[in-house]
Amino acid sequence: MAKHVEYEKVGSDYLEHRQLKRGAAGWVLLAGLGVSYVISGDFAGWNFGLAQGGWGGMLVATILMATMYTCMVFGLAELASALPVAGAGYGFARRALGPLGGYATGIAILIEYAIAPAAISVFIGDYIKALGILDATWPVYLACYVIFVGIHLYGVGEALRLMFVITGVAVVALVAFVAGMIPKFDSAKLFDIGDGSFLPMGVTGAWGAIVFAIWFFLAVEGVPLAAEEARDPKRDMPRGIIGAMVALLVFAAAILLVAPGGAGSKVLEASGNPLPEAVRAAYGGDTFLAQLVNYVGLAGLVASFFSIIYAYSRQLFALSRAGYLPRWLSKTGKRKTPYLALIVPGTIGFVLATIMKTVDPVTGGARLINIAVFGAALSYVLMMVSHIVLRKTAPELPRPYRTPGGVVTTSVALVLAVAAVIATFFVDEIAAAVTAGIVLLAVAYYWFYSRHHLVANAPEEEFAAIAKAEAELD
């Protein structure tokens, strides 16, 4: 372990008050969790990439990000089966890159998961507004956080099962949308932005569209966060995350083709509720299908909102339990849920959603996406480096699942993740720079305080201690 790290002794009851409910999820629920994390990206957010690069630019960006996520998921499936801990990406990087690398990865993931629900709550408000129910702003955002954080506080098994049902409803809406839009498809509508060329904004536009292509897949990497609550993580984690990725690839291809192909890319480029708006544009007004997609589409947004709350709470729980962040954030209640790790980021997300929508009603959601994507892409870089490093430094590590193609596969993901980090500055350099500044402040907190107060018997630290002891014996 690094010499600059210091550990504090904790009482025997420390981990007793920081335990999650084990055995709550099998591989089917895990796959459902993976789809649930992401499915809101099919209902809103991806379409902003049309304004950035046109349909051709968005297609190129989506192919690149589909490749990145597929390669990354294979790498994470291996890491999750070898190191099944609630910290997931942070735990993998902790073992490979040391405490600072692990902490930086965890902070990047936490930024992604804390900001993504804020963006989704804005889209939920836009869908509700499109229904004419009310001019949705902060009361809707508040209701989302209060209701769904409350369900998570009740218990993880109940929350995961409910997420699975909501996700199933959302999938029905996507299938109905695709089936209804196919008869209206016209390839000419895809290219009605700019000069009508394949890349109307050039290569730079396609690069910027990466930020929004990521929204088709963002957060699927959160499946391993459920490792300590899975029935058989070594077997179920690879099956769950790969199964989720296959479903997401199908959804992304279908939506990117039929939505702009049926309604026109221009119609959707700035919409906060693109799927219902696509139906209305294609059919010349309100229809039963538009209402169905609008109402049931809320289920897709809610599914991701609901599930990413789960993700941010587990990431914060793991970092806090190990002492990288204030320890009081990792306490769990009688139902084995980390209540403060649920409430604190939820409060921050609600405030950010309200401020962004008030300051910039049109592109507030897009700016939140850019912030979330910066954190995500940075964490992908560090996690893929971790996979490559562990293949070289810990070949003896038991790997119930091995990545097809090994480090070549994760190297492809690494290169594309670096491109994604750069793309966030193309889209919104201020938001990207501010987010980078937050990461640096968090690293400063580690350097000046938390590295002197880590908890040796946290699972992620125990993995590192065992590895060090084995190396010394060898």
Protein backbone atom coordinates (compact mmCIF):
# COMPACT_ATOMS: atom_id res chain seq x y z
CA MET A 1 0.00 0.00 0.00
CA ALA A 2 1.23 3.51 -0.73
CA LYS A 3 3.42 5.00 1.99
CA HIS A 4 1.55 8.29 2.10
CA VAL A 5 -1.69 6.56 3.20
CA GLU A 6 -2.56 6.30 6.89
CA TYR A 7 -5.25 4.16 8.49
CA GLU A 8 -7.31 4.69 11.62
CA LYS A 9 -8.57 1.92 13.85
CA VAL A 10 -12.32 1.56 13.99
CA GLY A 11 -14.52 -0.31 16.44
CA SER A 12 -15.91 -3.77 15.76
CA ASP A 13 -19.35 -2.28 15.21
CA TYR A 14 -18.20 0.04 12.40
CA LEU A 15 -19.07 -2.30 9.54
CA GLU A 16 -22.15 -3.61 11.38
CA HIS A 17 -23.73 -0.19 10.83
CA ARG A 18 -22.58 -0.16 7.21
CA GLN A 19 -23.96 -3.36 5.71
CA LEU A 20 -26.07 -3.86 2.60
CA LYS A 21 -28.74 -6.53 2.09
CA ARG A 22 -27.08 -9.52 0.42
CA GLY A 23 -28.74 -11.90 -2.03
CA ALA A 24 -31.34 -9.40 -3.23
CA ALA A 25 -30.65 -9.70 -6.99
CA GLY A 26 -30.04 -12.47 -9.54
CA TRP A 27 -28.71 -11.93 -13.04
CA VAL A 28 -32.12 -11.15 -14.57
CA LEU A 29 -32.72 -8.36 -12.07
CA LEU A 30 -29.17 -7.14 -12.69
CA ALA A 31 -29.75 -7.01 -16.44
CA GLY A 32 -33.01 -5.18 -15.78
CA LEU A 33 -31.10 -2.79 -13.55
CA GLY A 34 -28.63 -2.11 -16.36
CA VAL A 35 -31.41 -1.33 -18.84
CA SER A 36 -33.22 0.70 -16.22
CA TYR A 37 -30.16 2.90 -15.63
CA VAL A 38 -30.05 3.85 -19.29
CA ILE A 39 -33.49 3.63 -20.84
CA SER A 40 -34.35 7.29 -20.26
CA GLY A 41 -31.63 8.07 -22.81
CA ASP A 42 -33.90 6.63 -25.50
CA PHE A 43 -36.74 8.95 -24.49
CA ALA A 44 -34.83 12.24 -24.22
CA GLY A 45 -31.33 13.70 -24.35
CA TRP A 46 -29.81 11.86 -27.32
CA ASN A 47 -31.62 14.17 -29.76
CA PHE A 48 -29.48 17.19 -28.79
CA GLY A 49 -26.71 15.45 -30.75
CA LEU A 50 -28.69 16.16 -33.94
CA ALA A 51 -28.15 19.87 -33.42
CA GLN A 52 -24.48 19.27 -32.70
CA GLY A 53 -23.57 17.15 -35.73
CA GLY A 54 -26.64 16.49 -37.87
CA TRP A 55 -28.00 12.96 -38.30
CA GLY A 56 -24.82 11.70 -39.97
CA GLY A 57 -22.65 13.13 -37.21
CA MET A 58 -24.93 11.59 -34.59
CA LEU A 59 -24.79 8.23 -36.37
CA VAL A 60 -20.99 8.25 -36.42
CA ALA A 61 -20.90 9.28 -32.76
CA THR A 62 -23.37 6.55 -31.79
CA ILE A 63 -21.38 3.85 -33.59
CA LEU A 64 -18.21 4.98 -31.82
CA MET A 65 -19.89 5.05 -28.41
CA ALA A 66 -21.61 1.72 -28.99
CA THR A 67 -18.16 0.29 -29.69
CA MET A 68 -16.69 1.95 -26.60
CA TYR A 69 -19.42 0.71 -24.27
CA THR A 70 -19.42 -2.81 -25.67
CA CYS A 71 -15.66 -3.11 -25.19
CA MET A 72 -15.87 -1.51 -21.77
CA VAL A 73 -18.70 -3.78 -20.62
CA PHE A 74 -16.60 -6.85 -21.47
CA GLY A 75 -13.78 -5.41 -19.35
CA LEU A 76 -16.07 -4.54 -16.46
CA ALA A 77 -17.67 -7.99 -16.54
CA GLU A 78 -14.22 -9.44 -15.82
CA LEU A 79 -13.40 -6.93 -13.10
CA ALA A 80 -16.80 -7.32 -11.42
CA SER A 81 -16.47 -11.11 -11.27
CA ALA A 82 -12.93 -10.85 -9.87
CA LEU A 83 -13.55 -8.00 -7.39
CA PRO A 84 -17.25 -8.04 -6.36
CA VAL A 85 -17.49 -4.99 -4.11
CA ALA A 86 -20.07 -2.19 -3.81
CA GLY A 87 -17.48 0.36 -4.90
CA ALA A 88 -17.35 -1.22 -8.38
CA GLY A 89 -15.26 1.11 -10.61
CA TYR A 90 -13.68 2.77 -7.59
CA GLY A 91 -12.84 -0.65 -6.13
CA PHE A 92 -11.30 -1.85 -9.40
CA ALA A 93 -9.16 1.29 -9.73
CA ARG A 94 -8.22 1.13 -6.03
CA ARG A 95 -6.70 -2.30 -6.57
CA ALA A 96 -4.96 -1.35 -9.82
CA LEU A 97 -3.95 2.29 -9.38
CA GLY A 98 -3.69 2.72 -5.63
CA PRO A 99 -5.78 4.85 -3.27
CA LEU A 100 -5.51 8.11 -5.22
CA GLY A 101 -6.44 6.46 -8.52
CA GLY A 102 -9.33 4.65 -6.89
CA TYR A 103 -10.60 7.78 -5.21
CA ALA A 104 -10.38 9.85 -8.41
CA THR A 105 -12.35 7.17 -10.26
CA GLY A 106 -14.97 7.08 -7.53
CA ILE A 107 -15.38 10.86 -7.58
CA ALA A 108 -15.81 10.89 -11.37
CA ILE A 109 -18.47 8.17 -11.11
CA LEU A 110 -20.18 10.03 -8.29
CA ILE A 111 -20.38 13.19 -10.39
CA GLU A 112 -21.95 11.19 -13.23
CA TYR A 113 -24.54 9.53 -11.01
CA ALA A 114 -25.39 12.59 -8.94
CA ILE A 115 -25.95 14.82 -12.00
CA ALA A 116 -27.69 12.36 -14.35
CA PRO A 117 -30.90 12.19 -12.23
CA ALA A 118 -31.01 16.00 -12.21
CA ALA A 119 -31.01 16.00 -16.02
CA ILE A 120 -33.62 13.25 -16.12
CA SER A 121 -35.90 15.13 -13.72
CA VAL A 122 -35.82 18.07 -16.15
CA PHE A 123 -36.92 15.74 -18.97
CA ILE A 124 -39.67 14.30 -16.75
CA GLY A 125 -40.90 17.85 -16.29
CA ASP A 126 -40.85 18.42 -20.07
CA TYR A 127 -42.87 15.24 -20.71
CA ILE A 128 -45.43 16.27 -18.09
CA LYS A 129 -45.64 19.75 -19.58
CA ALA A 130 -46.24 18.26 -23.04
CA LEU A 131 -49.27 16.44 -21.63
CA GLY A 132 -50.75 19.77 -20.57
CA ILE A 133 -51.04 18.63 -16.96
CA LEU A 134 -49.06 21.56 -15.57
CA ASP A 135 -46.18 23.87 -16.39
CA ALA A 136 -43.75 21.55 -14.66
CA THR A 137 -40.69 22.94 -12.91
CA TRP A 138 -39.32 22.57 -9.40
CA PRO A 139 -42.40 20.96 -7.76
CA VAL A 140 -42.10 18.04 -10.20
CA TYR A 141 -38.37 17.71 -9.55
CA LEU A 142 -38.98 17.75 -5.80
CA ALA A 143 -41.73 15.15 -6.07
CA CYS A 144 -39.43 12.87 -8.10
CA TYR A 145 -36.71 12.97 -5.49
CA VAL A 146 -38.99 12.64 -2.47
CA ILE A 147 -40.99 9.70 -3.85
CA PHE A 148 -38.18 7.65 -5.34
CA VAL A 149 -35.55 8.29 -2.68
CA GLY A 150 -38.27 7.27 -0.22
CA ILE A 151 -38.80 3.93 -1.99
CA HIS A 152 -35.07 3.25 -1.89
CA LEU A 153 -35.04 4.01 1.81
CA TYR A 154 -37.67 1.31 2.28
CA GLY A 155 -35.47 -1.48 0.93
CA VAL A 156 -33.24 -2.58 -1.94
CA GLY A 157 -35.08 -5.78 -2.90
CA GLU A 158 -38.37 -3.93 -3.19
CA ALA A 159 -36.72 -1.10 -5.14
CA LEU A 160 -35.01 -3.41 -7.64
CA ARG A 161 -38.20 -5.35 -8.33
CA LEU A 162 -40.19 -2.17 -8.82
CA MET A 163 -37.50 -0.84 -11.17
CA PHE A 164 -37.77 -4.03 -13.19
CA VAL A 165 -41.53 -3.58 -13.63
CA ILE A 166 -41.23 0.11 -14.58
CA THR A 167 -38.50 -0.72 -17.09
CA GLY A 168 -40.73 -3.37 -18.66
CA VAL A 169 -43.47 -0.79 -19.16
CA ALA A 170 -40.96 1.59 -20.76
CA VAL A 171 -39.77 -1.11 -23.16
CA VAL A 172 -43.38 -1.62 -24.28
CA ALA A 173 -43.56 2.10 -25.05
CA LEU A 174 -40.38 1.94 -27.14
CA VAL A 175 -41.66 -1.03 -29.13
CA ALA A 176 -44.98 0.74 -29.76
CA PHE A 177 -43.15 3.90 -30.85
CA VAL A 178 -40.87 2.08 -33.29
CA ALA A 179 -43.76 0.08 -34.77
CA GLY A 180 -45.85 3.22 -35.19
CA MET A 181 -43.07 5.26 -36.81
CA ILE A 182 -41.87 2.69 -39.36
CA PRO A 183 -44.71 3.46 -41.84
CA LYS A 184 -43.76 7.16 -41.72
CA PHE A 185 -40.06 6.61 -42.34
CA ASP A 186 -38.45 8.66 -45.12
CA SER A 187 -34.67 8.70 -45.41
CA ALA A 188 -34.74 12.30 -46.72
CA LYS A 189 -36.03 13.47 -43.33
CA LEU A 190 -32.81 12.32 -41.68
CA PHE A 191 -30.79 15.00 -43.45
CA ASP A 192 -32.96 18.11 -43.08
CA ILE A 193 -30.45 19.92 -40.85
CA GLY A 194 -27.89 22.33 -42.32
CA ASP A 195 -26.97 21.84 -45.99
CA GLY A 196 -28.50 18.37 -46.19
CA SER A 197 -25.16 16.57 -46.31
CA PHE A 198 -24.19 13.54 -44.24
CA LEU A 199 -21.95 15.65 -41.95
CA PRO A 200 -23.44 19.17 -42.11
CA MET A 201 -21.27 20.36 -39.19
CA GLY A 202 -18.18 18.44 -40.29
CA VAL A 203 -16.00 16.11 -38.27
CA THR A 204 -15.97 18.52 -35.32
CA GLY A 205 -19.76 18.34 -35.14
CA ALA A 206 -19.66 14.54 -35.12
CA TRP A 207 -17.08 14.66 -32.32
CA GLY A 208 -19.28 16.98 -30.27
CA ALA A 209 -22.26 14.67 -30.84
CA ILE A 210 -20.40 11.99 -28.88
CA VAL A 211 -21.59 13.66 -25.67
CA PHE A 212 -25.21 12.97 -26.58
CA ALA A 213 -24.60 9.57 -28.20
CA ILE A 214 -23.31 8.49 -24.79
CA TRP A 215 -26.80 9.17 -23.41
CA PHE A 216 -27.98 6.01 -25.21
CA PHE A 217 -25.72 3.94 -22.92
CA LEU A 218 -24.68 6.10 -19.97
CA ALA A 219 -24.73 4.35 -16.57
CA VAL A 220 -24.88 0.72 -17.76
CA GLU A 221 -21.49 0.44 -16.09
CA GLY A 222 -23.35 0.86 -12.79
CA VAL A 223 -24.49 -2.78 -12.70
CA PRO A 224 -21.40 -3.90 -10.70
CA LEU A 225 -22.40 -1.47 -7.92
CA ALA A 226 -24.92 -4.15 -6.89
CA ALA A 227 -22.15 -6.73 -6.33
CA GLU A 228 -22.58 -6.92 -2.56
CA GLU A 229 -26.34 -7.33 -2.97
CA ALA A 230 -26.22 -9.96 -5.73
CA ARG A 231 -26.88 -13.65 -5.11
CA ASP A 232 -23.81 -14.93 -6.95
CA PRO A 233 -21.79 -11.93 -8.20
CA LYS A 234 -19.03 -13.98 -9.83
CA ARG A 235 -21.58 -15.69 -12.07
CA ASP A 236 -24.39 -13.13 -12.25
CA MET A 237 -22.44 -9.91 -12.84
CA PRO A 238 -21.06 -10.78 -16.30
CA ARG A 239 -24.41 -12.18 -17.46
CA GLY A 240 -26.33 -9.19 -16.13
CA ILE A 241 -24.19 -6.39 -17.55
CA ILE A 242 -23.66 -8.05 -20.96
CA GLY A 243 -27.37 -8.85 -21.26
CA ALA A 244 -28.24 -5.24 -20.52
CA MET A 245 -25.76 -3.98 -23.13
CA VAL A 246 -27.23 -6.17 -25.88
CA ALA A 247 -30.71 -4.75 -25.22
CA LEU A 248 -29.41 -1.17 -25.20
CA LEU A 249 -27.66 -1.59 -28.55
CA VAL A 250 -30.93 -2.68 -30.14
CA PHE A 251 -32.88 0.22 -28.61
CA ALA A 252 -30.30 2.82 -29.68
CA ALA A 253 -30.24 1.64 -33.29
CA ALA A 254 -34.02 1.60 -33.55
CA ILE A 255 -34.61 5.03 -31.98
CA LEU A 256 -31.85 6.82 -33.90
CA LEU A 257 -33.26 5.51 -37.17
CA VAL A 258 -37.04 5.79 -36.87
CA ALA A 259 -37.46 8.93 -34.72
CA PRO A 260 -35.72 11.43 -37.04
CA GLY A 261 -36.58 9.29 -40.05
CA GLY A 262 -40.26 9.62 -39.30
CA ALA A 263 -40.44 13.18 -38.03
CA GLY A 264 -37.31 14.89 -39.38
CA SER A 265 -34.10 15.65 -37.53
CA LYS A 266 -34.87 19.37 -37.43
CA VAL A 267 -38.06 18.77 -35.44
CA LEU A 268 -36.20 16.89 -32.72
CA GLU A 269 -32.87 18.70 -32.36
CA ALA A 270 -33.89 20.82 -29.35
CA SER A 271 -36.89 18.91 -27.97
CA GLY A 272 -37.21 18.00 -24.31
CA ASN A 273 -39.77 15.30 -25.21
CA PRO A 274 -38.60 14.04 -28.62
CA LEU A 275 -40.53 10.78 -28.96
CA PRO A 276 -44.07 12.19 -28.47
CA GLU A 277 -43.09 15.18 -30.57
CA ALA A 278 -41.84 12.85 -33.32
CA VAL A 279 -45.19 11.05 -33.42
CA ARG A 280 -47.12 14.31 -33.57
CA ALA A 281 -44.91 15.62 -36.37
CA ALA A 282 -45.12 12.39 -38.35
CA TYR A 283 -48.91 12.06 -38.06
CA GLY A 284 -49.74 15.75 -38.32
CA GLY A 285 -51.15 16.21 -34.85
CA ASP A 286 -52.04 14.48 -31.60
CA THR A 287 -52.86 10.78 -31.83
CA PHE A 288 -53.43 7.85 -29.51
CA LEU A 289 -49.83 6.72 -30.15
CA ALA A 290 -48.48 10.17 -29.22
CA GLN A 291 -50.43 10.11 -25.96
CA LEU A 292 -49.36 6.54 -25.25
CA VAL A 293 -45.68 7.31 -25.83
CA ASN A 294 -45.98 10.50 -23.81
CA TYR A 295 -47.64 8.86 -20.80
CA VAL A 296 -45.79 5.57 -20.87
CA GLY A 297 -42.56 7.33 -21.84
CA LEU A 298 -42.61 8.81 -18.39
CA ALA A 299 -42.00 5.27 -17.17
CA GLY A 300 -38.71 5.18 -19.07
CA LEU A 301 -37.56 8.44 -17.55
CA VAL A 302 -38.70 7.36 -14.10
CA ALA A 303 -36.93 3.99 -14.47
CA SER A 304 -33.55 5.64 -15.07
CA PHE A 305 -34.13 8.32 -12.47
CA PHE A 306 -35.09 5.66 -9.95
CA SER A 307 -32.19 3.33 -10.70
CA ILE A 308 -29.42 5.94 -10.88
CA ILE A 309 -30.45 7.05 -7.40
CA TYR A 310 -29.51 3.50 -6.40
CA ALA A 311 -26.18 3.87 -8.21
CA TYR A 312 -25.11 7.17 -6.64
CA SER A 313 -26.03 5.95 -3.15
CA ARG A 314 -23.86 2.81 -3.49
CA GLN A 315 -20.90 4.75 -4.89
CA LEU A 316 -21.09 7.32 -2.11
CA PHE A 317 -21.62 4.55 0.44
CA ALA A 318 -18.44 2.75 -0.65
CA LEU A 319 -16.24 5.87 -0.70
CA SER A 320 -17.55 6.95 2.69
CA ARG A 321 -17.26 3.51 4.30
CA ALA A 322 -13.56 3.41 3.35
CA GLY A 323 -12.95 6.90 4.75
CA TYR A 324 -12.33 8.74 1.47
CA LEU A 325 -15.40 10.87 2.13
CA PRO A 326 -16.95 11.69 5.55
CA ARG A 327 -17.79 8.38 7.23
CA TRP A 328 -21.21 9.44 8.46
CA LEU A 329 -22.46 9.30 4.88
CA SER A 330 -22.16 5.49 4.82
CA LYS A 331 -24.38 4.63 7.77
CA THR A 332 -27.20 2.23 7.01
CA GLY A 333 -30.57 1.95 8.72
CA LYS A 334 -32.58 -1.02 9.98
CA ARG A 335 -33.50 -2.01 6.42
CA LYS A 336 -29.81 -2.01 5.37
CA THR A 337 -30.12 1.04 3.12
CA PRO A 338 -27.54 3.88 3.19
CA TYR A 339 -30.02 6.63 4.01
CA LEU A 340 -27.66 9.62 4.06
CA ALA A 341 -25.97 8.48 0.84
CA LEU A 342 -29.46 8.57 -0.71
CA ILE A 343 -30.61 11.91 0.70
CA VAL A 344 -27.52 14.15 0.36
CA PRO A 345 -26.85 13.72 -3.41
CA GLY A 346 -30.61 13.84 -4.00
CA THR A 347 -30.77 17.25 -2.38
CA ILE A 348 -27.86 18.49 -4.51
CA GLY A 349 -29.46 17.12 -7.68
CA PHE A 350 -32.79 18.79 -6.97
CA VAL A 351 -31.11 22.16 -6.42
CA LEU A 352 -29.06 21.85 -9.62
CA ALA A 353 -32.07 20.83 -11.74
CA THR A 354 -34.06 23.80 -10.44
CA ILE A 355 -31.24 26.29 -11.01
CA MET A 356 -30.35 25.02 -14.51
CA LYS A 357 -33.95 25.02 -15.71
CA THR A 358 -34.53 28.50 -14.28
CA VAL A 359 -31.37 30.01 -15.74
CA ASP A 360 -31.61 28.28 -19.13
CA PRO A 361 -35.08 26.78 -19.81
CA VAL A 362 -34.13 25.55 -23.30
CA THR A 363 -30.70 23.95 -22.87
CA GLY A 364 -30.51 23.45 -19.10
CA GLY A 365 -31.00 19.71 -19.54
CA ALA A 366 -28.28 19.55 -22.21
CA ARG A 367 -25.80 21.29 -19.92
CA LEU A 368 -26.53 18.81 -17.14
CA ILE A 369 -25.91 15.99 -19.64
CA ASN A 370 -22.52 17.46 -20.48
CA ILE A 371 -21.54 17.59 -16.81
CA ALA A 372 -22.64 13.99 -16.23
CA VAL A 373 -20.85 12.79 -19.37
CA PHE A 374 -17.59 14.48 -18.31
CA GLY A 375 -17.62 12.52 -15.05
CA ALA A 376 -18.61 9.31 -16.83
CA ALA A 377 -15.98 9.52 -19.56
CA LEU A 378 -13.22 10.34 -17.06
CA SER A 379 -14.20 7.29 -15.00
CA TYR A 380 -14.17 5.12 -18.14
CA VAL A 381 -10.60 6.17 -18.87
CA LEU A 382 -9.50 5.21 -15.36
CA MET A 383 -11.45 1.93 -15.28
CA MET A 384 -10.04 0.76 -18.59
CA VAL A 385 -6.53 1.65 -17.45
CA SER A 386 -7.30 -0.41 -14.32
CA HIS A 387 -8.24 -3.46 -16.40
CA ILE A 388 -5.03 -3.21 -18.43
CA VAL A 389 -2.87 -2.69 -15.33
CA LEU A 390 -4.43 -5.62 -13.42
CA ARG A 391 -3.89 -7.95 -16.37
CA LYS A 392 -0.17 -7.13 -16.11
CA THR A 393 0.32 -6.77 -12.35
CA ALA A 394 -2.15 -9.34 -11.00
CA PRO A 395 -2.29 -12.22 -13.51
CA GLU A 396 -2.98 -14.60 -10.61
CA LEU A 397 -6.22 -12.82 -9.66
CA PRO A 398 -9.11 -15.31 -9.98
CA ARG A 399 -11.17 -14.29 -13.01
CA PRO A 400 -14.37 -16.36 -13.35
CA TYR A 401 -15.03 -14.38 -16.54
CA ARG A 402 -12.33 -13.15 -18.93
CA THR A 403 -12.71 -10.31 -21.43
CA PRO A 404 -12.76 -11.48 -25.08
CA GLY A 405 -9.67 -9.98 -26.70
CA GLY A 406 -8.16 -9.09 -23.33
CA VAL A 407 -6.36 -5.75 -23.10
CA VAL A 408 -6.85 -5.08 -26.81
CA THR A 409 -10.58 -4.81 -26.20
CA THR A 410 -10.24 -2.47 -23.23
CA SER A 411 -7.58 -0.42 -25.05
CA VAL A 412 -10.16 0.35 -27.75
CA ALA A 413 -12.57 1.50 -25.05
CA LEU A 414 -9.79 3.58 -23.46
CA VAL A 415 -9.00 5.50 -26.66
CA LEU A 416 -12.68 6.23 -27.31
CA ALA A 417 -13.20 7.31 -23.69
CA VAL A 418 -10.39 9.86 -24.03
CA ALA A 419 -12.13 11.17 -27.17
CA ALA A 420 -15.36 11.47 -25.17
CA VAL A 421 -13.68 13.54 -22.44
CA ILE A 422 -12.37 15.93 -25.11
CA ALA A 423 -15.82 16.09 -26.73
CA THR A 424 -17.36 17.60 -23.56
CA PHE A 425 -15.20 20.69 -24.08
CA PHE A 426 -16.45 21.00 -27.67
CA VAL A 427 -20.07 21.10 -26.48
CA ASP A 428 -19.80 23.27 -23.37
CA GLU A 429 -16.29 24.24 -22.34
CA ILE A 430 -17.48 26.17 -19.28
CA ALA A 431 -19.46 23.25 -17.83
CA ALA A 432 -16.62 20.83 -18.60
CA ALA A 433 -14.02 23.12 -17.03
CA VAL A 434 -16.12 23.67 -13.89
CA THR A 435 -16.62 19.92 -13.52
CA ALA A 436 -12.89 19.32 -13.93
CA GLY A 437 -12.36 21.92 -11.20
CA ILE A 438 -14.71 20.01 -8.88
CA VAL A 439 -12.68 16.84 -9.45
CA LEU A 440 -9.49 18.72 -8.55
CA LEU A 441 -11.08 20.09 -5.36
CA ALA A 442 -12.12 16.58 -4.39
CA VAL A 443 -8.56 15.34 -4.98
CA ALA A 444 -7.29 18.17 -2.77
CA TYR A 445 -9.64 16.97 0.01
CA TYR A 446 -8.11 13.51 -0.32
CA TRP A 447 -4.55 14.81 -0.29
CA PHE A 448 -4.89 17.09 2.70
CA TYR A 449 -7.33 15.09 4.82
CA SER A 450 -8.86 11.74 3.90
CA ARG A 451 -5.64 9.93 2.97
CA HIS A 452 -4.70 10.24 6.64
CA HIS A 453 -8.00 8.75 7.85
CA LEU A 454 -8.77 5.67 5.73
CA VAL A 455 -10.44 2.56 7.14
CA ALA A 456 -8.28 -0.54 6.77
CA ASN A 457 -11.11 -3.07 7.12
CA ALA A 458 -13.33 -1.62 4.38
CA PRO A 459 -13.66 -4.32 1.66
CA GLU A 460 -11.84 -2.33 -1.03
CA GLU A 461 -8.92 -1.66 1.33
CA GLU A 462 -8.82 -5.30 2.42
CA PHE A 463 -8.44 -6.36 -1.21
CA ALA A 464 -5.43 -4.06 -1.47
CA ALA A 465 -3.95 -5.28 1.82
CA ILE A 466 -4.28 -8.94 0.80
CA ALA A 467 -2.65 -8.19 -2.55
CA LYS A 468 0.26 -6.46 -0.82
CA ALA A 469 0.75 -9.32 1.64
CA GLU A 470 0.72 -11.91 -1.16
CA ALA A 471 3.27 -9.87 -3.13
CA GLU A 472 5.56 -9.67 -0.07
CA LEU A 473 5.30 -13.43 0.45
CA ASP A 474 6.20 -14.04 -3.18
